[in-house]
Amino acid sequence: MLPVEWKRAAHADLWAIVDYIADDSQEAAQALKDELVSTIAKLPKNPKMYRMGRVPGTREIVVRKNYIVVYSETPSQITILRILHAAQEYP
């Protein structure tokens, strides 16, 4: 199985999303965080499972219709590049 590396921007995105949601509901924030992390944890078994990204060389996971995990893969690792809200302009 391939190792998963998180870029600093992806960690920052995750915590910004969790903090924002936690302002209204700690439970909802934790549930979303858990769902994002568990979805990402499936990548090493099948990194091509999700759609091709809008940026060449990337792939995207849509979580709950509102959150997009952008990642890249090489023969030696998977890299989580960003976690974005669907309303954010990307790329």
PDB file of N, CA and C in Angstrom:
ATOM      1  N   MET A   1       0.832  -1.189   0.000  1.00  0.00           N
ATOM      2  CA  MET A   1       0.000   0.000   0.000  1.00  0.00           C
ATOM      3  C   MET A   1       0.873   1.248   0.000  1.00  0.00           C
ATOM      4  N   LEU A   2       0.383   2.269  -0.646  1.00  0.00           N
ATOM      5  CA  LEU A   2       1.129   3.518  -0.752  1.00  0.00           C
ATOM      6  C   LEU A   2       0.965   4.361   0.511  1.00  0.00           C
ATOM      7  N   PRO A   3       2.024   5.046   0.928  1.00  0.00           N
ATOM      8  CA  PRO A   3       1.880   5.978   2.050  1.00  0.00           C
ATOM      9  C   PRO A   3       1.123   7.236   1.603  1.00  0.00           C
ATOM     10  N   VAL A   4       0.467   7.878   2.554  1.00  0.00           N
ATOM     11  CA  VAL A   4      -0.270   9.108   2.293  1.00  0.00           C
ATOM     12  C   VAL A   4       0.441  10.259   2.991  1.00  0.00           C
ATOM     13  N   GLU A   5       0.810  11.268   2.211  1.00  0.00           N
ATOM     14  CA  GLU A   5       1.436  12.484   2.743  1.00  0.00           C
ATOM     15  C   GLU A   5       0.428  13.616   2.632  1.00  0.00           C
ATOM     16  N   TRP A   6       0.354  14.429   3.661  1.00  0.00           N
ATOM     17  CA  TRP A   6      -0.513  15.611   3.641  1.00  0.00           C
ATOM     18  C   TRP A   6       0.354  16.846   3.463  1.00  0.00           C
ATOM     19  N   LYS A   7       0.019  17.674   2.494  1.00  0.00           N
ATOM     20  CA  LYS A   7       0.676  18.971   2.359  1.00  0.00           C
ATOM     21  C   LYS A   7       0.189  19.882   3.481  1.00  0.00           C
ATOM     22  N   ARG A   8       0.996  20.844   3.836  1.00  0.00           N
ATOM     23  CA  ARG A   8       0.639  21.791   4.893  1.00  0.00           C
ATOM     24  C   ARG A   8      -0.683  22.500   4.585  1.00  0.00           C
ATOM     25  N   ALA A   9      -0.902  22.861   3.328  1.00  0.00           N
ATOM     26  CA  ALA A   9      -2.146  23.542   2.941  1.00  0.00           C
ATOM     27  C   ALA A   9      -3.363  22.655   3.183  1.00  0.00           C
ATOM     28  N   ALA A  10      -3.247  21.357   2.957  1.00  0.00           N
ATOM     29  CA  ALA A  10      -4.366  20.440   3.179  1.00  0.00           C
ATOM     30  C   ALA A  10      -4.713  20.356   4.662  1.00  0.00           C
ATOM     31  N   HIS A  11      -3.692  20.277   5.515  1.00  0.00           N
ATOM     32  CA  HIS A  11      -3.952  20.285   6.963  1.00  0.00           C
ATOM     33  C   HIS A  11      -4.628  21.588   7.383  1.00  0.00           C
ATOM     34  N   ALA A  12      -4.134  22.691   6.867  1.00  0.00           N
ATOM     35  CA  ALA A  12      -4.722  23.992   7.195  1.00  0.00           C
ATOM     36  C   ALA A  12      -6.177  24.065   6.725  1.00  0.00           C
ATOM     37  N   ASP A  13      -6.449  23.539   5.524  1.00  0.00           N
ATOM     38  CA  ASP A  13      -7.815  23.514   5.012  1.00  0.00           C
ATOM     39  C   ASP A  13      -8.722  22.707   5.938  1.00  0.00           C
ATOM     40  N   LEU A  14      -8.263  21.519   6.324  1.00  0.00           N
ATOM     41  CA  LEU A  14      -9.064  20.654   7.183  1.00  0.00           C
ATOM     42  C   LEU A  14      -9.428  21.356   8.486  1.00  0.00           C
ATOM     43  N   TRP A  15      -8.435  21.944   9.136  1.00  0.00           N
ATOM     44  CA  TRP A  15      -8.698  22.585  10.424  1.00  0.00           C
ATOM     45  C   TRP A  15      -9.541  23.851  10.278  1.00  0.00           C
ATOM     46  N   ALA A  16      -9.409  24.562   9.191  1.00  0.00           N
ATOM     47  CA  ALA A  16     -10.253  25.744   8.962  1.00  0.00           C
ATOM     48  C   ALA A  16     -11.711  25.325   8.784  1.00  0.00           C
ATOM     49  N   ILE A  17     -11.941  24.245   8.058  1.00  0.00           N
ATOM     50  CA  ILE A  17     -13.303  23.736   7.859  1.00  0.00           C
ATOM     51  C   ILE A  17     -13.887  23.267   9.187  1.00  0.00           C
ATOM     52  N   VAL A  18     -13.111  22.491   9.922  1.00  0.00           N
ATOM     53  CA  VAL A  18     -13.580  21.976  11.212  1.00  0.00           C
ATOM     54  C   VAL A  18     -13.870  23.126  12.180  1.00  0.00           C
ATOM     55  N   ASP A  19     -12.983  24.091  12.262  1.00  0.00           N
ATOM     56  CA  ASP A  19     -13.198  25.236  13.155  1.00  0.00           C
ATOM     57  C   ASP A  19     -14.460  26.007  12.779  1.00  0.00           C
ATOM     58  N   TYR A  20     -14.671  26.213  11.491  1.00  0.00           N
ATOM     59  CA  TYR A  20     -15.844  26.954  11.029  1.00  0.00           C
ATOM     60  C   TYR A  20     -17.136  26.230  11.423  1.00  0.00           C
ATOM     61  N   ILE A  21     -17.195  24.933  11.178  1.00  0.00           N
ATOM     62  CA  ILE A  21     -18.390  24.158  11.504  1.00  0.00           C
ATOM     63  C   ILE A  21     -18.574  24.049  13.015  1.00  0.00           C
ATOM     64  N   ALA A  22     -17.480  23.955  13.743  1.00  0.00           N
ATOM     65  CA  ALA A  22     -17.551  23.822  15.203  1.00  0.00           C
ATOM     66  C   ALA A  22     -18.176  25.037  15.865  1.00  0.00           C
ATOM     67  N   ASP A  23     -18.132  26.180  15.208  1.00  0.00           N
ATOM     68  CA  ASP A  23     -18.797  27.364  15.758  1.00  0.00           C
ATOM     69  C   ASP A  23     -20.294  27.122  15.955  1.00  0.00           C
ATOM     70  N   ASP A  24     -20.874  26.281  15.106  1.00  0.00           N
ATOM     71  CA  ASP A  24     -22.295  25.939  15.217  1.00  0.00           C
ATOM     72  C   ASP A  24     -22.523  24.608  15.933  1.00  0.00           C
ATOM     73  N   SER A  25     -21.644  23.630  15.673  1.00  0.00           N
ATOM     74  CA  SER A  25     -21.850  22.301  16.242  1.00  0.00           C
ATOM     75  C   SER A  25     -20.536  21.526  16.314  1.00  0.00           C
ATOM     76  N   GLN A  26     -20.100  21.264  17.527  1.00  0.00           N
ATOM     77  CA  GLN A  26     -18.887  20.461  17.717  1.00  0.00           C
ATOM     78  C   GLN A  26     -19.071  19.052  17.143  1.00  0.00           C
ATOM     79  N   GLU A  27     -20.255  18.494  17.332  1.00  0.00           N
ATOM     80  CA  GLU A  27     -20.530  17.129  16.865  1.00  0.00           C
ATOM     81  C   GLU A  27     -20.488  17.048  15.342  1.00  0.00           C
ATOM     82  N   ALA A  28     -21.081  18.026  14.671  1.00  0.00           N
ATOM     83  CA  ALA A  28     -21.075  18.037  13.210  1.00  0.00           C
ATOM     84  C   ALA A  28     -19.658  18.212  12.674  1.00  0.00           C
ATOM     85  N   ALA A  29     -18.884  19.046  13.334  1.00  0.00           N
ATOM     86  CA  ALA A  29     -17.490  19.270  12.919  1.00  0.00           C
ATOM     87  C   ALA A  29     -16.686  17.976  13.059  1.00  0.00           C
ATOM     88  N   GLN A  30     -16.860  17.297  14.175  1.00  0.00           N
ATOM     89  CA  GLN A  30     -16.124  16.043  14.400  1.00  0.00           C
ATOM     90  C   GLN A  30     -16.563  14.968  13.398  1.00  0.00           C
ATOM     91  N   ALA A  31     -17.872  14.899  13.129  1.00  0.00           N
ATOM     92  CA  ALA A  31     -18.382  13.908  12.172  1.00  0.00           C
ATOM     93  C   ALA A  31     -17.814  14.150  10.771  1.00  0.00           C
ATOM     94  N   LEU A  32     -17.765  15.400  10.343  1.00  0.00           N
ATOM     95  CA  LEU A  32     -17.203  15.707   9.023  1.00  0.00           C
ATOM     96  C   LEU A  32     -15.716  15.383   8.996  1.00  0.00           C
ATOM     97  N   LYS A  33     -14.995  15.781  10.027  1.00  0.00           N
ATOM     98  CA  LYS A  33     -13.557  15.469  10.089  1.00  0.00           C
ATOM     99  C   LYS A  33     -13.338  13.967   9.991  1.00  0.00           C
ATOM    100  N   ASP A  34     -14.107  13.201  10.763  1.00  0.00           N
ATOM    101  CA  ASP A  34     -13.970  11.741  10.734  1.00  0.00           C
ATOM    102  C   ASP A  34     -14.263  11.181   9.350  1.00  0.00           C
ATOM    103  N   GLU A  35     -15.291  11.714   8.691  1.00  0.00           N
ATOM    104  CA  GLU A  35     -15.640  11.239   7.355  1.00  0.00           C
ATOM    105  C   GLU A  35     -14.545  11.568   6.333  1.00  0.00           C
ATOM    106  N   LEU A  36     -14.020  12.771   6.402  1.00  0.00           N
ATOM    107  CA  LEU A  36     -12.927  13.146   5.488  1.00  0.00           C
ATOM    108  C   LEU A  36     -11.710  12.250   5.702  1.00  0.00           C
ATOM    109  N   VAL A  37     -11.317  12.072   6.944  1.00  0.00           N
ATOM    110  CA  VAL A  37     -10.127  11.276   7.250  1.00  0.00           C
ATOM    111  C   VAL A  37     -10.337   9.808   6.868  1.00  0.00           C
ATOM    112  N   SER A  38     -11.514   9.262   7.142  1.00  0.00           N
ATOM    113  CA  SER A  38     -11.753   7.852   6.800  1.00  0.00           C
ATOM    114  C   SER A  38     -11.818   7.647   5.285  1.00  0.00           C
ATOM    115  N   THR A  39     -12.352   8.620   4.565  1.00  0.00           N
ATOM    116  CA  THR A  39     -12.381   8.522   3.099  1.00  0.00           C
ATOM    117  C   THR A  39     -10.960   8.555   2.547  1.00  0.00           C
ATOM    118  N   ILE A  40     -10.148   9.456   3.053  1.00  0.00           N
ATOM    119  CA  ILE A  40      -8.757   9.553   2.610  1.00  0.00           C
ATOM    120  C   ILE A  40      -7.994   8.272   2.952  1.00  0.00           C
ATOM    121  N   ALA A  41      -8.328   7.655   4.068  1.00  0.00           N
ATOM    122  CA  ALA A  41      -7.643   6.427   4.491  1.00  0.00           C
ATOM    123  C   ALA A  41      -7.859   5.268   3.514  1.00  0.00           C
ATOM    124  N   LYS A  42      -8.893   5.347   2.676  1.00  0.00           N
ATOM    125  CA  LYS A  42      -9.168   4.303   1.687  1.00  0.00           C
ATOM    126  C   LYS A  42      -8.276   4.414   0.453  1.00  0.00           C
ATOM    127  N   LEU A  43      -7.653   5.560   0.272  1.00  0.00           N
ATOM    128  CA  LEU A  43      -6.864   5.803  -0.944  1.00  0.00           C
ATOM    129  C   LEU A  43      -5.731   4.803  -1.188  1.00  0.00           C
ATOM    130  N   PRO A  44      -4.957   4.404  -0.180  1.00  0.00           N
ATOM    131  CA  PRO A  44      -3.845   3.497  -0.469  1.00  0.00           C
ATOM    132  C   PRO A  44      -4.262   2.187  -1.131  1.00  0.00           C
ATOM    133  N   LYS A  45      -5.451   1.714  -0.863  1.00  0.00           N
ATOM    134  CA  LYS A  45      -5.903   0.459  -1.472  1.00  0.00           C
ATOM    135  C   LYS A  45      -6.322   0.647  -2.927  1.00  0.00           C
ATOM    136  N   ASN A  46      -6.847   1.812  -3.260  1.00  0.00           N
ATOM    137  CA  ASN A  46      -7.315   2.054  -4.619  1.00  0.00           C
ATOM    138  C   ASN A  46      -7.251   3.545  -4.950  1.00  0.00           C
ATOM    139  N   PRO A  47      -6.070   4.067  -5.247  1.00  0.00           N
ATOM    140  CA  PRO A  47      -5.921   5.506  -5.485  1.00  0.00           C
ATOM    141  C   PRO A  47      -6.619   6.027  -6.740  1.00  0.00           C
ATOM    142  N   LYS A  48      -6.965   5.144  -7.656  1.00  0.00           N
ATOM    143  CA  LYS A  48      -7.634   5.581  -8.884  1.00  0.00           C
ATOM    144  C   LYS A  48      -9.160   5.499  -8.751  1.00  0.00           C
ATOM    145  N   MET A  49      -9.641   5.269  -7.544  1.00  0.00           N
ATOM    146  CA  MET A  49     -11.063   5.087  -7.287  1.00  0.00           C
ATOM    147  C   MET A  49     -11.885   6.347  -7.587  1.00  0.00           C
ATOM    148  N   TYR A  50     -11.290   7.504  -7.458  1.00  0.00           N
ATOM    149  CA  TYR A  50     -12.025   8.761  -7.568  1.00  0.00           C
ATOM    150  C   TYR A  50     -11.734   9.464  -8.885  1.00  0.00           C
ATOM    151  N   ARG A  51     -12.534  10.482  -9.172  1.00  0.00           N
ATOM    152  CA  ARG A  51     -12.507  11.127 -10.484  1.00  0.00           C
ATOM    153  C   ARG A  51     -11.201  11.872 -10.753  1.00  0.00           C
ATOM    154  N   MET A  52     -10.951  12.067 -12.046  1.00  0.00           N
ATOM    155  CA  MET A  52      -9.811  12.865 -12.474  1.00  0.00           C
ATOM    156  C   MET A  52     -10.033  14.298 -12.018  1.00  0.00           C
ATOM    157  N   GLY A  53      -8.945  14.954 -11.615  1.00  0.00           N
ATOM    158  CA  GLY A  53      -9.051  16.324 -11.132  1.00  0.00           C
ATOM    159  C   GLY A  53      -9.144  17.336 -12.254  1.00  0.00           C
ATOM    160  N   ARG A  54      -9.538  18.532 -11.875  1.00  0.00           N
ATOM    161  CA  ARG A  54      -9.618  19.631 -12.843  1.00  0.00           C
ATOM    162  C   ARG A  54      -8.238  20.152 -13.189  1.00  0.00           C
ATOM    163  N   VAL A  55      -7.279  19.915 -12.321  1.00  0.00           N
ATOM    164  CA  VAL A  55      -5.886  20.277 -12.581  1.00  0.00           C
ATOM    165  C   VAL A  55      -5.179  19.007 -13.055  1.00  0.00           C
ATOM    166  N   PRO A  56      -4.489  19.065 -14.178  1.00  0.00           N
ATOM    167  CA  PRO A  56      -3.797  17.874 -14.671  1.00  0.00           C
ATOM    168  C   PRO A  56      -2.891  17.257 -13.597  1.00  0.00           C
ATOM    169  N   GLY A  57      -2.929  15.934 -13.530  1.00  0.00           N
ATOM    170  CA  GLY A  57      -2.088  15.219 -12.577  1.00  0.00           C
ATOM    171  C   GLY A  57      -2.703  15.068 -11.194  1.00  0.00           C
ATOM    172  N   THR A  58      -3.964  15.501 -11.049  1.00  0.00           N
ATOM    173  CA  THR A  58      -4.635  15.369  -9.758  1.00  0.00           C
ATOM    174  C   THR A  58      -5.891  14.523  -9.904  1.00  0.00           C
ATOM    175  N   ARG A  59      -6.404  14.104  -8.756  1.00  0.00           N
ATOM    176  CA  ARG A  59      -7.688  13.421  -8.663  1.00  0.00           C
ATOM    177  C   ARG A  59      -8.482  14.114  -7.569  1.00  0.00           C
ATOM    178  N   GLU A  60      -9.812  13.904  -7.557  1.00  0.00           N
ATOM    179  CA  GLU A  60     -10.665  14.577  -6.581  1.00  0.00           C
ATOM    180  C   GLU A  60     -11.669  13.606  -5.971  1.00  0.00           C
ATOM    181  N   ILE A  61     -11.845  13.746  -4.667  1.00  0.00           N
ATOM    182  CA  ILE A  61     -12.860  13.000  -3.934  1.00  0.00           C
ATOM    183  C   ILE A  61     -13.915  14.018  -3.511  1.00  0.00           C
ATOM    184  N   VAL A  62     -15.160  13.756  -3.816  1.00  0.00           N
ATOM    185  CA  VAL A  62     -16.239  14.608  -3.339  1.00  0.00           C
ATOM    186  C   VAL A  62     -16.815  13.952  -2.088  1.00  0.00           C
ATOM    187  N   VAL A  63     -16.807  14.707  -0.991  1.00  0.00           N
ATOM    188  CA  VAL A  63     -17.333  14.223   0.277  1.00  0.00           C
ATOM    189  C   VAL A  63     -18.524  15.101   0.642  1.00  0.00           C
ATOM    190  N   ARG A  64     -19.691  14.485   0.805  1.00  0.00           N
ATOM    191  CA  ARG A  64     -20.927  15.188   1.172  1.00  0.00           C
ATOM    192  C   ARG A  64     -21.311  16.289   0.184  1.00  0.00           C
ATOM    193  N   LYS A  65     -21.004  16.177  -1.018  1.00  0.00           N
ATOM    194  CA  LYS A  65     -21.332  17.141  -2.077  1.00  0.00           C
ATOM    195  C   LYS A  65     -20.703  18.517  -1.890  1.00  0.00           C
ATOM    196  N   ASN A  66     -20.251  18.837  -0.690  1.00  0.00           N
ATOM    197  CA  ASN A  66     -19.744  20.178  -0.427  1.00  0.00           C
ATOM    198  C   ASN A  66     -18.237  20.260  -0.249  1.00  0.00           C
ATOM    199  N   TYR A  67     -17.565  19.153  -0.094  1.00  0.00           N
ATOM    200  CA  TYR A  67     -16.129  19.185   0.187  1.00  0.00           C
ATOM    201  C   TYR A  67     -15.387  18.340  -0.826  1.00  0.00           C
ATOM    202  N   ILE A  68     -14.289  18.877  -1.303  1.00  0.00           N
ATOM    203  CA  ILE A  68     -13.490  18.214  -2.333  1.00  0.00           C
ATOM    204  C   ILE A  68     -12.081  18.021  -1.790  1.00  0.00           C
ATOM    205  N   VAL A  69     -11.635  16.783  -1.800  1.00  0.00           N
ATOM    206  CA  VAL A  69     -10.258  16.457  -1.421  1.00  0.00           C
ATOM    207  C   VAL A  69      -9.479  16.323  -2.731  1.00  0.00           C
ATOM    208  N   VAL A  70      -8.477  17.149  -2.896  1.00  0.00           N
ATOM    209  CA  VAL A  70      -7.642  17.124  -4.100  1.00  0.00           C
ATOM    210  C   VAL A  70      -6.348  16.399  -3.741  1.00  0.00           C
ATOM    211  N   TYR A  71      -6.004  15.399  -4.548  1.00  0.00           N
ATOM    212  CA  TYR A  71      -4.781  14.642  -4.271  1.00  0.00           C
ATOM    213  C   TYR A  71      -4.072  14.272  -5.561  1.00  0.00           C
ATOM    214  N   SER A  72      -2.817  13.893  -5.407  1.00  0.00           N
ATOM    215  CA  SER A  72      -2.045  13.384  -6.533  1.00  0.00           C
ATOM    216  C   SER A  72      -1.472  12.037  -6.123  1.00  0.00           C
ATOM    217  N   GLU A  73      -1.097  11.282  -7.100  1.00  0.00           N
ATOM    218  CA  GLU A  73      -0.501   9.982  -6.816  1.00  0.00           C
ATOM    219  C   GLU A  73       0.714   9.753  -7.706  1.00  0.00           C
ATOM    220  N   THR A  74       1.685   9.097  -7.149  1.00  0.00           N
ATOM    221  CA  THR A  74       2.850   8.645  -7.888  1.00  0.00           C
ATOM    222  C   THR A  74       2.979   7.152  -7.587  1.00  0.00           C
ATOM    223  N   PRO A  75       3.879   6.467  -8.244  1.00  0.00           N
ATOM    224  CA  PRO A  75       4.059   5.052  -7.917  1.00  0.00           C
ATOM    225  C   PRO A  75       4.501   4.817  -6.469  1.00  0.00           C
ATOM    226  N   SER A  76       5.018   5.857  -5.808  1.00  0.00           N
ATOM    227  CA  SER A  76       5.546   5.657  -4.456  1.00  0.00           C
ATOM    228  C   SER A  76       4.720   6.281  -3.339  1.00  0.00           C
ATOM    229  N   GLN A  77       3.767   7.191  -3.664  1.00  0.00           N
ATOM    230  CA  GLN A  77       2.963   7.793  -2.599  1.00  0.00           C
ATOM    231  C   GLN A  77       1.739   8.519  -3.129  1.00  0.00           C
ATOM    232  N   ILE A  78       0.840   8.819  -2.200  1.00  0.00           N
ATOM    233  CA  ILE A  78      -0.339   9.646  -2.453  1.00  0.00           C
ATOM    234  C   ILE A  78      -0.137  10.930  -1.659  1.00  0.00           C
ATOM    235  N   THR A  79      -0.410  12.058  -2.275  1.00  0.00           N
ATOM    236  CA  THR A  79      -0.239  13.343  -1.605  1.00  0.00           C
ATOM    237  C   THR A  79      -1.567  14.085  -1.574  1.00  0.00           C
ATOM    238  N   ILE A  80      -2.037  14.411  -0.358  1.00  0.00           N
ATOM    239  CA  ILE A  80      -3.248  15.197  -0.190  1.00  0.00           C
ATOM    240  C   ILE A  80      -2.825  16.656  -0.356  1.00  0.00           C
ATOM    241  N   LEU A  81      -3.350  17.294  -1.389  1.00  0.00           N
ATOM    242  CA  LEU A  81      -2.921  18.645  -1.731  1.00  0.00           C
ATOM    243  C   LEU A  81      -3.784  19.720  -1.078  1.00  0.00           C
ATOM    244  N   ARG A  82      -5.104  19.553  -1.135  1.00  0.00           N
ATOM    245  CA  ARG A  82      -6.040  20.552  -0.600  1.00  0.00           C
ATOM    246  C   ARG A  82      -7.329  19.857  -0.188  1.00  0.00           C
ATOM    247  N   ILE A  83      -8.061  20.498   0.707  1.00  0.00           N
ATOM    248  CA  ILE A  83      -9.443  20.125   1.021  1.00  0.00           C
ATOM    249  C   ILE A  83     -10.242  21.415   0.907  1.00  0.00           C
ATOM    250  N   LEU A  84     -11.171  21.433  -0.039  1.00  0.00           N
ATOM    251  CA  LEU A  84     -11.860  22.672  -0.382  1.00  0.00           C
ATOM    252  C   LEU A  84     -13.370  22.533  -0.228  1.00  0.00           C
ATOM    253  N   HIS A  85     -14.030  23.651   0.035  1.00  0.00           N
ATOM    254  CA  HIS A  85     -15.481  23.689  -0.020  1.00  0.00           C
ATOM    255  C   HIS A  85     -15.844  23.858  -1.493  1.00  0.00           C
ATOM    256  N   ALA A  86     -16.908  23.222  -1.899  1.00  0.00           N
ATOM    257  CA  ALA A  86     -17.302  23.268  -3.308  1.00  0.00           C
ATOM    258  C   ALA A  86     -17.584  24.684  -3.810  1.00  0.00           C
ATOM    259  N   ALA A  87     -17.901  25.618  -2.904  1.00  0.00           N
ATOM    260  CA  ALA A  87     -18.175  26.988  -3.314  1.00  0.00           C
ATOM    261  C   ALA A  87     -16.893  27.781  -3.583  1.00  0.00           C
ATOM    262  N   GLN A  88     -15.755  27.243  -3.155  1.00  0.00           N
ATOM    263  CA  GLN A  88     -14.489  27.941  -3.399  1.00  0.00           C
ATOM    264  C   GLN A  88     -14.125  27.862  -4.873  1.00  0.00           C
ATOM    265  N   GLU A  89     -13.546  28.928  -5.372  1.00  0.00           N
ATOM    266  CA  GLU A  89     -13.089  28.925  -6.759  1.00  0.00           C
ATOM    267  C   GLU A  89     -11.823  28.091  -6.843  1.00  0.00           C
ATOM    268  N   TYR A  90     -11.876  27.076  -7.681  1.00  0.00           N
ATOM    269  CA  TYR A  90     -10.730  26.190  -7.848  1.00  0.00           C
ATOM    270  C   TYR A  90     -10.798  25.621  -9.242  1.00  0.00           C
ATOM    271  N   PRO A  91      -9.768  25.508  -9.959  1.00  0.00           N
ATOM    272  CA  PRO A  91      -8.418  25.986  -9.679  1.00  0.00           C
ATOM    273  C   PRO A  91      -8.314  27.482  -9.877  1.00  0.00           C
TER     274      PRO A  91
END
